[in-house]
Amino acid sequence: RQPIDLSEQIDAILIMFWNAGIDIDPLLNEWGKDHHVEAVLHFKDLYFEGFNEQYHRTKLSNPFGDKALADKLATWLASDAVKTHFAARIEQIILEEPQRAGDALNDLNMLYDILRAGSSSSYT
């Protein structure tokens, strides 16, 4: 299994599959268990950049994404299992391999705090 290259925007990939009629639930289920650093970085990108904050997680930043997909992704991001998995993985990256996070380390620290607090940030 190969992670998606970090030069690709994860929301664009998800929108492409969604608009092609592909069920993304299996992809989200696998992503929610993935331990690759790239999976965590894509999660961070979706969490912080995937939604138009003006619309409180009801509209994706990418204009090709529809409300049904935004709702599905917002629900997935808010699930306890997903938050627990990514909080644990972020903690591991911060403590054991911070160099792998590169420029995203500060964002990962902030996301870790948000996930551990059970908050959905300012989007709720």
Foldseek 3Di string as FASTA:
>chain_A
DDDDDPVDQPLVVVLVCVVVVHDCVVVLVVLLQDLDPSSLVNLLCCLPQQPDLVQLQQHGPDPSDHRVVSVVVVVSNLDLSSLVSSLVSLVCCLPPPVVVCPPCNVSSVVSNVCSVVSHSPSSD
